[in-house]
C-alpha atoms as a PDB file:
ATOM      1  CA  MET A   1      -7.880  40.570 -43.960  1.00  0.00           C
ATOM      2  CA  PRO A   2      -6.839  36.929 -44.470  1.00  0.00           C
ATOM      3  CA  ILE A   3      -3.627  37.676 -42.566  1.00  0.00           C
ATOM      4  CA  LYS A   4      -5.605  39.015 -39.600  1.00  0.00           C
ATOM      5  CA  ARG A   5      -7.851  35.972 -39.629  1.00  0.00           C
ATOM      6  CA  ARG A   6      -4.840  33.699 -39.769  1.00  0.00           C
ATOM      7  CA  SER A   7      -3.119  35.471 -36.873  1.00  0.00           C
ATOM      8  CA  ARG A   8      -6.340  35.342 -34.849  1.00  0.00           C
ATOM      9  CA  ARG A   9      -6.658  31.609 -35.489  1.00  0.00           C
ATOM     10  CA  ILE A  10      -3.032  31.063 -34.504  1.00  0.00           C
ATOM     11  CA  LYS A  11      -3.644  32.910 -31.243  1.00  0.00           C
ATOM     12  CA  GLN A  12      -6.671  30.700 -30.558  1.00  0.00           C
ATOM     13  CA  LEU A  13      -4.755  27.511 -31.320  1.00  0.00           C
ATOM     14  CA  PHE A  14      -1.572  28.516 -29.514  1.00  0.00           C
ATOM     15  CA  PRO A  15      -2.670  27.363 -25.998  1.00  0.00           C
ATOM     16  CA  TYR A  16      -3.705  23.982 -27.425  1.00  0.00           C
ATOM     17  CA  LEU A  17      -0.361  23.643 -29.178  1.00  0.00           C
ATOM     18  CA  LEU A  18       1.416  24.266 -25.883  1.00  0.00           C
ATOM     19  CA  VAL A  19      -0.407  21.453 -24.064  1.00  0.00           C
ATOM     20  CA  ALA A  20      -0.447  19.093 -27.060  1.00  0.00           C
ATOM     21  CA  PRO A  21       2.888  17.370 -26.216  1.00  0.00           C
ATOM     22  CA  ALA A  22       1.751  16.676 -22.640  1.00  0.00           C
ATOM     23  CA  VAL A  23      -1.632  15.373 -23.839  1.00  0.00           C
ATOM     24  CA  LEU A  24       0.012  13.090 -26.401  1.00  0.00           C
ATOM     25  CA  TYR A  25       2.424  11.813 -23.774  1.00  0.00           C
ATOM     26  CA  LEU A  26      -0.392  11.059 -21.318  1.00  0.00           C
ATOM     27  CA  LEU A  27      -2.439   9.326 -23.991  1.00  0.00           C
ATOM     28  CA  THR A  28       0.583   7.238 -24.936  1.00  0.00           C
ATOM     29  CA  ILE A  29       1.279   6.025 -21.411  1.00  0.00           C
ATOM     30  CA  THR A  30      -2.376   5.595 -20.329  1.00  0.00           C
ATOM     31  CA  LEU A  31      -4.789   5.137 -23.217  1.00  0.00           C
ATOM     32  CA  TYR A  32      -2.696   2.782 -25.323  1.00  0.00           C
ATOM     33  CA  PRO A  33      -1.775   0.391 -22.469  1.00  0.00           C
ATOM     34  CA  GLY A  34      -5.411   0.384 -21.350  1.00  0.00           C
ATOM     35  CA  VAL A  35      -6.757  -0.511 -24.767  1.00  0.00           C
ATOM     36  CA  TYR A  36      -3.979  -3.081 -25.179  1.00  0.00           C
ATOM     37  CA  ALA A  37      -4.850  -4.719 -21.825  1.00  0.00           C
ATOM     38  CA  ILE A  38      -8.569  -4.857 -22.680  1.00  0.00           C
ATOM     39  CA  ALA A  39      -7.811  -6.512 -26.013  1.00  0.00           C
ATOM     40  CA  GLN A  40      -5.395  -8.917 -24.344  1.00  0.00           C
ATOM     41  CA  SER A  41      -7.962  -9.919 -21.723  1.00  0.00           C
ATOM     42  CA  PHE A  42     -10.047 -11.649 -24.413  1.00  0.00           C
ATOM     43  CA  HIS A  43      -7.127 -13.837 -25.477  1.00  0.00           C
ATOM     44  CA  ALA A  44      -5.004 -16.609 -24.053  1.00  0.00           C
ATOM     45  CA  VAL A  45      -1.592 -14.983 -24.142  1.00  0.00           C
ATOM     46  CA  LYS A  46       1.677 -16.539 -23.108  1.00  0.00           C
ATOM     47  CA  PHE A  47       4.761 -16.496 -25.290  1.00  0.00           C
ATOM     48  CA  GLY A  48       3.204 -17.656 -28.533  1.00  0.00           C
ATOM     49  CA  PRO A  49       0.539 -16.140 -30.771  1.00  0.00           C
ATOM     50  CA  TRP A  50      -2.619 -14.774 -29.199  1.00  0.00           C
ATOM     51  CA  SER A  51      -5.519 -17.202 -29.066  1.00  0.00           C
ATOM     52  CA  PHE A  52      -8.998 -15.680 -28.816  1.00  0.00           C
ATOM     53  CA  VAL A  53     -10.989 -17.135 -25.889  1.00  0.00           C
ATOM     54  CA  GLY A  54     -13.760 -14.550 -25.511  1.00  0.00           C
ATOM     55  CA  LEU A  55     -14.970 -14.181 -21.935  1.00  0.00           C
ATOM     56  CA  GLU A  56     -13.242 -17.319 -20.710  1.00  0.00           C
ATOM     57  CA  ASN A  57     -10.638 -15.406 -18.682  1.00  0.00           C
ATOM     58  CA  TYR A  58     -13.360 -13.412 -16.932  1.00  0.00           C
ATOM     59  CA  ALA A  59     -15.445 -16.510 -16.221  1.00  0.00           C
ATOM     60  CA  GLU A  60     -12.396 -18.215 -14.722  1.00  0.00           C
ATOM     61  CA  LEU A  61     -11.644 -15.194 -12.570  1.00  0.00           C
ATOM     62  CA  PHE A  62     -15.087 -15.229 -10.960  1.00  0.00           C
ATOM     63  CA  SER A  63     -14.436 -18.797  -9.774  1.00  0.00           C
ATOM     64  CA  ASP A  64     -10.820 -18.153  -8.710  1.00  0.00           C
ATOM     65  CA  TYR A  65     -10.639 -18.047  -4.901  1.00  0.00           C
ATOM     66  CA  GLN A  66      -7.165 -16.499  -5.025  1.00  0.00           C
ATOM     67  CA  PHE A  67      -8.487 -13.572  -7.051  1.00  0.00           C
ATOM     68  CA  TRP A  68     -11.313 -12.971  -4.592  1.00  0.00           C
ATOM     69  CA  GLY A  69      -8.875 -13.366  -1.703  1.00  0.00           C
ATOM     70  CA  ALA A  70      -6.577 -10.751  -3.226  1.00  0.00           C
ATOM     71  CA  LEU A  71      -9.560  -8.454  -3.769  1.00  0.00           C
ATOM     72  CA  TRP A  72     -10.617  -8.897  -0.138  1.00  0.00           C
ATOM     73  CA  ASN A  73      -7.077  -8.287   1.148  1.00  0.00           C
ATOM     74  CA  THR A  74      -6.863  -5.096  -0.910  1.00  0.00           C
ATOM     75  CA  PHE A  75     -10.184  -3.846   0.438  1.00  0.00           C
ATOM     76  CA  LEU A  76      -9.449  -4.844   4.048  1.00  0.00           C
ATOM     77  CA  MET A  77      -5.918  -3.462   4.342  1.00  0.00           C
ATOM     78  CA  GLY A  78      -6.789  -0.457   2.200  1.00  0.00           C
ATOM     79  CA  SER A  79      -9.856   0.522   4.218  1.00  0.00           C
ATOM     80  CA  ILE A  80      -8.049   0.124   7.557  1.00  0.00           C
ATOM     81  CA  SER A  81      -5.022   2.059   6.322  1.00  0.00           C
ATOM     82  CA  LEU A  82      -7.160   4.809   4.799  1.00  0.00           C
ATOM     83  CA  SER A  83      -9.239   5.178   7.972  1.00  0.00           C
ATOM     84  CA  ILE A  84      -6.143   5.540  10.141  1.00  0.00           C
ATOM     85  CA  GLN A  85      -4.548   7.991   7.715  1.00  0.00           C
ATOM     86  CA  PHE A  86      -7.725  10.073   7.632  1.00  0.00           C
ATOM     87  CA  PHE A  87      -7.966  10.255  11.427  1.00  0.00           C
ATOM     88  CA  ILE A  88      -4.297  11.173  11.928  1.00  0.00           C
ATOM     89  CA  ALA A  89      -4.203  13.666   9.039  1.00  0.00           C
ATOM     90  CA  LEU A  90      -7.390  15.416  10.143  1.00  0.00           C
ATOM     91  CA  THR A  91      -6.153  15.611  13.744  1.00  0.00           C
ATOM     92  CA  LEU A  92      -2.824  17.117  12.663  1.00  0.00           C
ATOM     93  CA  ALA A  93      -4.604  19.523  10.321  1.00  0.00           C
ATOM     94  CA  TYR A  94      -6.874  20.610  13.181  1.00  0.00           C
ATOM     95  CA  PHE A  95      -3.875  21.706  15.227  1.00  0.00           C
ATOM     96  CA  ALA A  96      -1.765  23.023  12.357  1.00  0.00           C
ATOM     97  CA  TYR A  97      -3.896  25.078  10.007  1.00  0.00           C
ATOM     98  CA  ARG A  98      -4.212  28.190  12.217  1.00  0.00           C
ATOM     99  CA  ASP A  99      -1.287  27.758  14.602  1.00  0.00           C
ATOM    100  CA  VAL A 100       1.488  30.217  13.729  1.00  0.00           C
ATOM    101  CA  TRP A 101       4.248  28.201  15.410  1.00  0.00           C
ATOM    102  CA  ILE A 102       3.318  24.907  13.729  1.00  0.00           C
ATOM    103  CA  LYS A 103       3.070  26.564  10.309  1.00  0.00           C
ATOM    104  CA  GLY A 104       6.827  26.992  10.234  1.00  0.00           C
ATOM    105  CA  TRP A 105       7.445  23.311  10.994  1.00  0.00           C
ATOM    106  CA  ARG A 106       4.876  21.709   8.705  1.00  0.00           C
ATOM    107  CA  ILE A 107       7.625  20.443   6.408  1.00  0.00           C
ATOM    108  CA  ILE A 108       8.484  17.906   9.132  1.00  0.00           C
ATOM    109  CA  PHE A 109       5.076  16.285   8.692  1.00  0.00           C
ATOM    110  CA  LEU A 110       5.752  15.844   4.978  1.00  0.00           C
ATOM    111  CA  MET A 111       9.135  14.129   5.289  1.00  0.00           C
ATOM    112  CA  PRO A 112       7.882  10.486   5.202  1.00  0.00           C
ATOM    113  CA  MET A 113       6.253  11.137   1.839  1.00  0.00           C
ATOM    114  CA  LEU A 114       9.611  12.227   0.386  1.00  0.00           C
ATOM    115  CA  PHE A 115      11.158   8.749   0.778  1.00  0.00           C
ATOM    116  CA  MET A 116      11.019   6.250  -2.069  1.00  0.00           C
ATOM    117  CA  PRO A 117       8.373   3.550  -1.411  1.00  0.00           C
ATOM    118  CA  SER A 118      10.957   0.815  -2.009  1.00  0.00           C
ATOM    119  CA  ALA A 119      13.294   2.380   0.578  1.00  0.00           C
ATOM    120  CA  VAL A 120      10.479   2.523   3.142  1.00  0.00           C
ATOM    121  CA  ALA A 121       9.592  -1.107   2.438  1.00  0.00           C
ATOM    122  CA  PHE A 122      13.202  -2.219   2.943  1.00  0.00           C
ATOM    123  CA  ILE A 123      13.432  -0.251   6.210  1.00  0.00           C
ATOM    124  CA  TYR A 124      10.332  -1.949   7.609  1.00  0.00           C
ATOM    125  CA  LYS A 125      11.485  -5.342   6.359  1.00  0.00           C
ATOM    126  CA  LEU A 126      14.848  -4.846   8.043  1.00  0.00           C
ATOM    127  CA  ALA A 127      13.325  -3.589  11.297  1.00  0.00           C
ATOM    128  CA  PHE A 128      10.558  -6.153  11.706  1.00  0.00           C
ATOM    129  CA  GLN A 129      11.670  -9.254   9.815  1.00  0.00           C
ATOM    130  CA  ASP A 130      15.232  -9.751   8.597  1.00  0.00           C
ATOM    131  CA  ALA A 131      17.280  -8.233  11.413  1.00  0.00           C
ATOM    132  CA  ARG A 132      14.375  -8.241  13.905  1.00  0.00           C
ATOM    133  CA  VAL A 133      15.427  -4.881  15.331  1.00  0.00           C
ATOM    134  CA  ILE A 134      12.009  -4.238  16.876  1.00  0.00           C
ATOM    135  CA  SER A 135      11.845  -7.727  18.398  1.00  0.00           C
ATOM    136  CA  ASP A 136      15.255  -7.268  20.034  1.00  0.00           C
ATOM    137  CA  LEU A 137      14.254  -3.909  21.489  1.00  0.00           C
ATOM    138  CA  LEU A 138      10.968  -5.258  22.865  1.00  0.00           C
ATOM    139  CA  MET A 139      12.742  -8.269  24.410  1.00  0.00           C
ATOM    140  CA  LYS A 140      15.330  -6.029  26.082  1.00  0.00           C
ATOM    141  CA  VAL A 141      12.632  -3.957  27.789  1.00  0.00           C
ATOM    142  CA  GLY A 142      10.792  -7.120  28.791  1.00  0.00           C
ATOM    143  CA  LEU A 143       7.609  -6.668  26.775  1.00  0.00           C
ATOM    144  CA  ILE A 144       7.999  -9.944  24.854  1.00  0.00           C
ATOM    145  CA  ASP A 145       9.861 -13.208  25.505  1.00  0.00           C
ATOM    146  CA  SER A 146      10.694 -14.237  21.922  1.00  0.00           C
ATOM    147  CA  ASN A 147      10.920 -12.811  18.420  1.00  0.00           C
ATOM    148  CA  LEU A 148       7.712 -11.596  16.840  1.00  0.00           C
ATOM    149  CA  ALA A 149       6.564 -14.261  14.395  1.00  0.00           C
ATOM    150  CA  ILE A 150       5.445 -11.761  11.785  1.00  0.00           C
ATOM    151  CA  GLN A 151       6.134 -13.963   8.779  1.00  0.00           C
ATOM    152  CA  SER A 152       3.950 -16.766  10.157  1.00  0.00           C
ATOM    153  CA  SER A 153       1.027 -14.582  11.212  1.00  0.00           C
ATOM    154  CA  ILE A 154      -1.412 -13.232   8.641  1.00  0.00           C
ATOM    155  CA  TRP A 155      -2.681 -10.419  10.835  1.00  0.00           C
ATOM    156  CA  MET A 156       0.776  -9.355  11.970  1.00  0.00           C
ATOM    157  CA  SER A 157       1.929  -9.268   8.353  1.00  0.00           C
ATOM    158  CA  ARG A 158      -1.124  -7.246   7.384  1.00  0.00           C
ATOM    159  CA  SER A 159      -0.521  -4.894  10.302  1.00  0.00           C
ATOM    160  CA  LEU A 160       3.073  -4.357   9.197  1.00  0.00           C
ATOM    161  CA  LEU A 161       1.951  -3.384   5.689  1.00  0.00           C
ATOM    162  CA  ILE A 162      -0.707  -1.063   7.102  1.00  0.00           C
ATOM    163  CA  VAL A 163       1.766   0.645   9.458  1.00  0.00           C
ATOM    164  CA  ALA A 164       4.244   1.197   6.616  1.00  0.00           C
ATOM    165  CA  ASP A 165       1.538   2.641   4.365  1.00  0.00           C
ATOM    166  CA  VAL A 166       0.148   4.886   7.113  1.00  0.00           C
ATOM    167  CA  TRP A 167       3.596   6.193   8.046  1.00  0.00           C
ATOM    168  CA  GLN A 168       4.478   7.188   4.502  1.00  0.00           C
ATOM    169  CA  TRP A 169       1.218   8.483   3.047  1.00  0.00           C
ATOM    170  CA  THR A 170      -0.588  10.217   5.908  1.00  0.00           C
ATOM    171  CA  PRO A 171       1.225  13.481   4.930  1.00  0.00           C
ATOM    172  CA  PHE A 172      -0.549  13.333   1.558  1.00  0.00           C
ATOM    173  CA  LEU A 173      -3.948  13.731   3.228  1.00  0.00           C
ATOM    174  CA  PHE A 174      -2.537  16.149   5.793  1.00  0.00           C
ATOM    175  CA  ILE A 175      -1.319  18.662   3.234  1.00  0.00           C
ATOM    176  CA  ILE A 176      -4.642  18.530   1.338  1.00  0.00           C
ATOM    177  CA  PHE A 177      -6.670  19.020   4.522  1.00  0.00           C
ATOM    178  CA  VAL A 178      -4.510  21.935   5.681  1.00  0.00           C
ATOM    179  CA  ALA A 179      -4.782  23.605   2.272  1.00  0.00           C
ATOM    180  CA  GLY A 180      -8.559  23.130   2.298  1.00  0.00           C
ATOM    181  CA  LEU A 181      -8.904  24.588   5.787  1.00  0.00           C
ATOM    182  CA  GLN A 182      -6.690  27.574   5.039  1.00  0.00           C
ATOM    183  CA  SER A 183      -8.667  28.382   1.887  1.00  0.00           C
ATOM    184  CA  GLN A 184     -11.845  28.878   3.917  1.00  0.00           C
ATOM    185  CA  ASP A 185     -13.024  32.384   4.745  1.00  0.00           C
ATOM    186  CA  GLU A 186     -11.583  33.447   8.088  1.00  0.00           C
ATOM    187  CA  GLU A 187     -14.422  35.923   8.582  1.00  0.00           C
ATOM    188  CA  ILE A 188     -16.854  33.043   9.181  1.00  0.00           C
ATOM    189  CA  GLU A 189     -14.653  31.697  11.953  1.00  0.00           C
ATOM    190  CA  GLU A 190     -14.198  35.170  13.380  1.00  0.00           C
ATOM    191  CA  ALA A 191     -17.960  35.729  13.475  1.00  0.00           C
ATOM    192  CA  ALA A 192     -18.463  32.436  15.299  1.00  0.00           C
ATOM    193  CA  ARG A 193     -15.668  33.342  17.725  1.00  0.00           C
ATOM    194  CA  LEU A 194     -17.350  36.661  18.481  1.00  0.00           C
ATOM    195  CA  ASP A 195     -20.555  34.743  19.253  1.00  0.00           C
ATOM    196  CA  GLY A 196     -18.662  32.817  21.917  1.00  0.00           C
ATOM    197  CA  ALA A 197     -17.867  29.619  20.048  1.00  0.00           C
ATOM    198  CA  LYS A 198     -14.764  27.716  21.126  1.00  0.00           C
ATOM    199  CA  TRP A 199     -12.027  26.580  18.745  1.00  0.00           C
ATOM    200  CA  HIS A 200     -13.176  22.953  18.643  1.00  0.00           C
ATOM    201  CA  GLN A 201     -16.806  24.024  18.157  1.00  0.00           C
ATOM    202  CA  ILE A 202     -15.825  26.191  15.186  1.00  0.00           C
ATOM    203  CA  PHE A 203     -13.872  23.321  13.676  1.00  0.00           C
ATOM    204  CA  TRP A 204     -16.557  20.634  14.019  1.00  0.00           C
ATOM    205  CA  ASN A 205     -19.579  22.794  13.210  1.00  0.00           C
ATOM    206  CA  ILE A 206     -18.180  25.174  10.569  1.00  0.00           C
ATOM    207  CA  SER A 207     -14.770  24.244   9.181  1.00  0.00           C
ATOM    208  CA  LEU A 208     -15.302  20.488   8.890  1.00  0.00           C
ATOM    209  CA  PRO A 209     -18.649  20.637   7.036  1.00  0.00           C
ATOM    210  CA  LEU A 210     -17.161  23.115   4.562  1.00  0.00           C
ATOM    211  CA  LEU A 211     -14.195  20.762   4.107  1.00  0.00           C
ATOM    212  CA  LYS A 212     -16.361  17.733   3.265  1.00  0.00           C
ATOM    213  CA  PRO A 213     -15.990  17.905  -0.571  1.00  0.00           C
ATOM    214  CA  VAL A 214     -12.207  18.253  -0.210  1.00  0.00           C
ATOM    215  CA  ILE A 215     -12.121  15.296   2.168  1.00  0.00           C
ATOM    216  CA  LEU A 216     -14.083  13.061  -0.198  1.00  0.00           C
ATOM    217  CA  VAL A 217     -11.909  13.899  -3.200  1.00  0.00           C
ATOM    218  CA  ALA A 218      -8.723  13.403  -1.161  1.00  0.00           C
ATOM    219  CA  LEU A 219      -9.947  10.030   0.087  1.00  0.00           C
ATOM    220  CA  VAL A 220     -10.770   8.982  -3.479  1.00  0.00           C
ATOM    221  CA  LEU A 221      -7.273   9.902  -4.676  1.00  0.00           C
ATOM    222  CA  ARG A 222      -5.614   8.089  -1.771  1.00  0.00           C
ATOM    223  CA  GLY A 223      -7.992   5.138  -2.103  1.00  0.00           C
ATOM    224  CA  ILE A 224      -7.183   4.711  -5.798  1.00  0.00           C
ATOM    225  CA  ASP A 225      -3.501   4.735  -4.918  1.00  0.00           C
ATOM    226  CA  ILE A 226      -4.034   2.139  -2.179  1.00  0.00           C
ATOM    227  CA  THR A 227      -5.640  -0.259  -4.668  1.00  0.00           C
ATOM    228  CA  THR A 228      -2.255  -0.378  -6.411  1.00  0.00           C
ATOM    229  CA  MET A 229      -0.438  -1.350  -3.190  1.00  0.00           C
ATOM    230  CA  PHE A 230       2.424  -3.410  -4.546  1.00  0.00           C
ATOM    231  CA  THR A 231       5.888  -2.280  -3.415  1.00  0.00           C
ATOM    232  CA  ASN A 232       5.465  -3.114   0.283  1.00  0.00           C
ATOM    233  CA  VAL A 233       3.865  -6.461  -0.522  1.00  0.00           C
ATOM    234  CA  PHE A 234       6.557  -7.370  -3.048  1.00  0.00           C
ATOM    235  CA  ILE A 235       9.478  -6.469  -0.769  1.00  0.00           C
ATOM    236  CA  VAL A 236       8.169  -7.265   2.712  1.00  0.00           C
ATOM    237  CA  THR A 237       5.747 -10.215   2.566  1.00  0.00           C
ATOM    238  CA  LYS A 238       5.652 -11.572  -1.013  1.00  0.00           C
ATOM    239  CA  GLY A 239       1.906 -11.999  -0.517  1.00  0.00           C
ATOM    240  CA  GLY A 240       2.321 -14.441   2.371  1.00  0.00           C
ATOM    241  CA  PRO A 241       1.722 -16.107   4.641  1.00  0.00           C
ATOM    242  CA  ALA A 242      -0.815 -18.316   2.827  1.00  0.00           C
ATOM    243  CA  PHE A 243      -1.729 -15.493   0.406  1.00  0.00           C
ATOM    244  CA  GLY A 244      -2.946 -13.518   3.431  1.00  0.00           C
ATOM    245  CA  THR A 245      -1.341 -10.265   2.293  1.00  0.00           C
ATOM    246  CA  GLU A 246      -1.612 -10.699  -1.463  1.00  0.00           C
ATOM    247  CA  THR A 247      -3.223  -7.608  -2.961  1.00  0.00           C
ATOM    248  CA  ILE A 248      -4.834  -7.408  -6.375  1.00  0.00           C
ATOM    249  CA  SER A 249      -1.741  -5.702  -7.791  1.00  0.00           C
ATOM    250  CA  TYR A 250       0.512  -8.484  -6.554  1.00  0.00           C
ATOM    251  CA  PHE A 251      -1.942 -11.088  -7.869  1.00  0.00           C
ATOM    252  CA  ILE A 252      -1.760  -9.487 -11.317  1.00  0.00           C
ATOM    253  CA  TYR A 253       2.033  -9.388 -11.132  1.00  0.00           C
ATOM    254  CA  ARG A 254       2.267 -13.024 -10.017  1.00  0.00           C
ATOM    255  CA  THR A 255      -0.142 -14.191 -12.698  1.00  0.00           C
ATOM    256  CA  GLY A 256       1.527 -12.255 -15.477  1.00  0.00           C
ATOM    257  CA  PHE A 257       5.213 -12.354 -14.625  1.00  0.00           C
ATOM    258  CA  LYS A 258       5.555 -15.611 -12.692  1.00  0.00           C
ATOM    259  CA  PHE A 259       3.081 -17.845 -14.509  1.00  0.00           C
ATOM    260  CA  PHE A 260       3.232 -15.809 -17.746  1.00  0.00           C
ATOM    261  CA  ASN A 261      -0.552 -15.907 -18.158  1.00  0.00           C
ATOM    262  CA  PHE A 262      -0.797 -12.378 -19.543  1.00  0.00           C
ATOM    263  CA  GLY A 263      -4.374 -12.643 -20.813  1.00  0.00           C
ATOM    264  CA  TYR A 264      -5.629 -13.772 -17.401  1.00  0.00           C
ATOM    265  CA  ALA A 265      -3.669 -11.001 -15.671  1.00  0.00           C
ATOM    266  CA  SER A 266      -5.103  -8.424 -18.084  1.00  0.00           C
ATOM    267  CA  ALA A 267      -8.631  -9.601 -17.304  1.00  0.00           C
ATOM    268  CA  ALA A 268      -7.962  -9.117 -13.589  1.00  0.00           C
ATOM    269  CA  SER A 269      -6.611  -5.634 -14.326  1.00  0.00           C
ATOM    270  CA  VAL A 270      -9.736  -4.701 -16.291  1.00  0.00           C
ATOM    271  CA  ILE A 271     -12.062  -5.879 -13.523  1.00  0.00           C
ATOM    272  CA  MET A 272     -10.086  -3.949 -10.924  1.00  0.00           C
ATOM    273  CA  LEU A 273     -10.174  -0.849 -13.121  1.00  0.00           C
ATOM    274  CA  ILE A 274     -13.951  -1.089 -13.552  1.00  0.00           C
ATOM    275  CA  LEU A 275     -14.538  -1.519  -9.804  1.00  0.00           C
ATOM    276  CA  THR A 276     -12.243   1.416  -9.015  1.00  0.00           C
ATOM    277  CA  LEU A 277     -13.963   3.682 -11.542  1.00  0.00           C
ATOM    278  CA  ILE A 278     -17.434   2.803 -10.218  1.00  0.00           C
ATOM    279  CA  VAL A 279     -16.525   3.510  -6.591  1.00  0.00           C
ATOM    280  CA  ALA A 280     -14.606   6.687  -7.466  1.00  0.00           C
ATOM    281  CA  GLN A 281     -17.454   7.972  -9.621  1.00  0.00           C
ATOM    282  CA  LEU A 282     -20.014   7.433  -6.863  1.00  0.00           C
ATOM    283  CA  VAL A 283     -17.881   9.140  -4.218  1.00  0.00           C
ATOM    284  CA  VAL A 284     -16.857  12.090  -6.411  1.00  0.00           C
ATOM    285  CA  LYS A 285     -20.449  12.604  -7.554  1.00  0.00           C
ATOM    286  CA  ARG A 286     -21.540  12.715  -3.944  1.00  0.00           C
ATOM    287  CA  ALA A 287     -18.758  15.180  -3.154  1.00  0.00           C
ATOM    288  CA  PHE A 288     -19.876  17.630  -5.839  1.00  0.00           C
ATOM    289  CA  VAL A 289     -23.534  17.287  -4.822  1.00  0.00           C
ATOM    290  CA  SER A 290     -22.668  18.038  -1.187  1.00  0.00           C
ATOM    291  CA  GLY A 291     -20.494  20.938  -2.346  1.00  0.00           C
ATOM    292  CA  ARG A 292     -23.394  22.530  -4.228  1.00  0.00           C
ATOM    293  CA  GLU A 293     -25.643  22.117  -1.219  1.00  0.00           C
END
């Protein structure tokens, strides 16, 4: 009897033992750094011993115009980029999810996402800034008279970062939208088609409302990733001109690894984490409520 009980308990614990290494690994790379950053945010940390300062780092952040500027740049470029990605991905998904011919070529839409972000950033930097490939092409066809002054224009620099982000990460939303549309019951669409509904009417009145929870979750995932926009900023613009393209991630990097004010950088990280969690929680909660309805 004890042997049977022991074998039964082993069978119950076996699945947990299988996932235990992955859980420990995730806790090590996420929980520990998070707790460490929170503790560090209450101290003045440079290269010497930690000095406890309480909420001084947070109070200083709320009066730091560069922090608020970085937060605004992150929100502005992120929201524009996410809106464009959503529109393009949904349009492509509309044409691709039932078309037999396009199904075989969907891998082409995913190719930009397969490139390393640093490689994409260097390509755009080479094309638009260093070698001015795009400027030379536009001058040869007579559309412009001189090189594009991207490095001296805040909005042109922001537009370059947005274009690079849209080009690489639109496939992420596309593949989620296509999967969501293909998982829907085809009988509903067939019934609407028998009632005389056109393809676009079926999509906007049936498929799209059913896809709403998937859309919200996908936008949350992509939005969280956009808040960490760093590679393009670091390689292409360095946060310039005049801090016009400095995102919150680059602000944290500059504060921590250029000015070596690690406590201040940790406080900025904690605030950004809290804001991200609040927004994500509200959107995901709304997604599940709409899904139940």
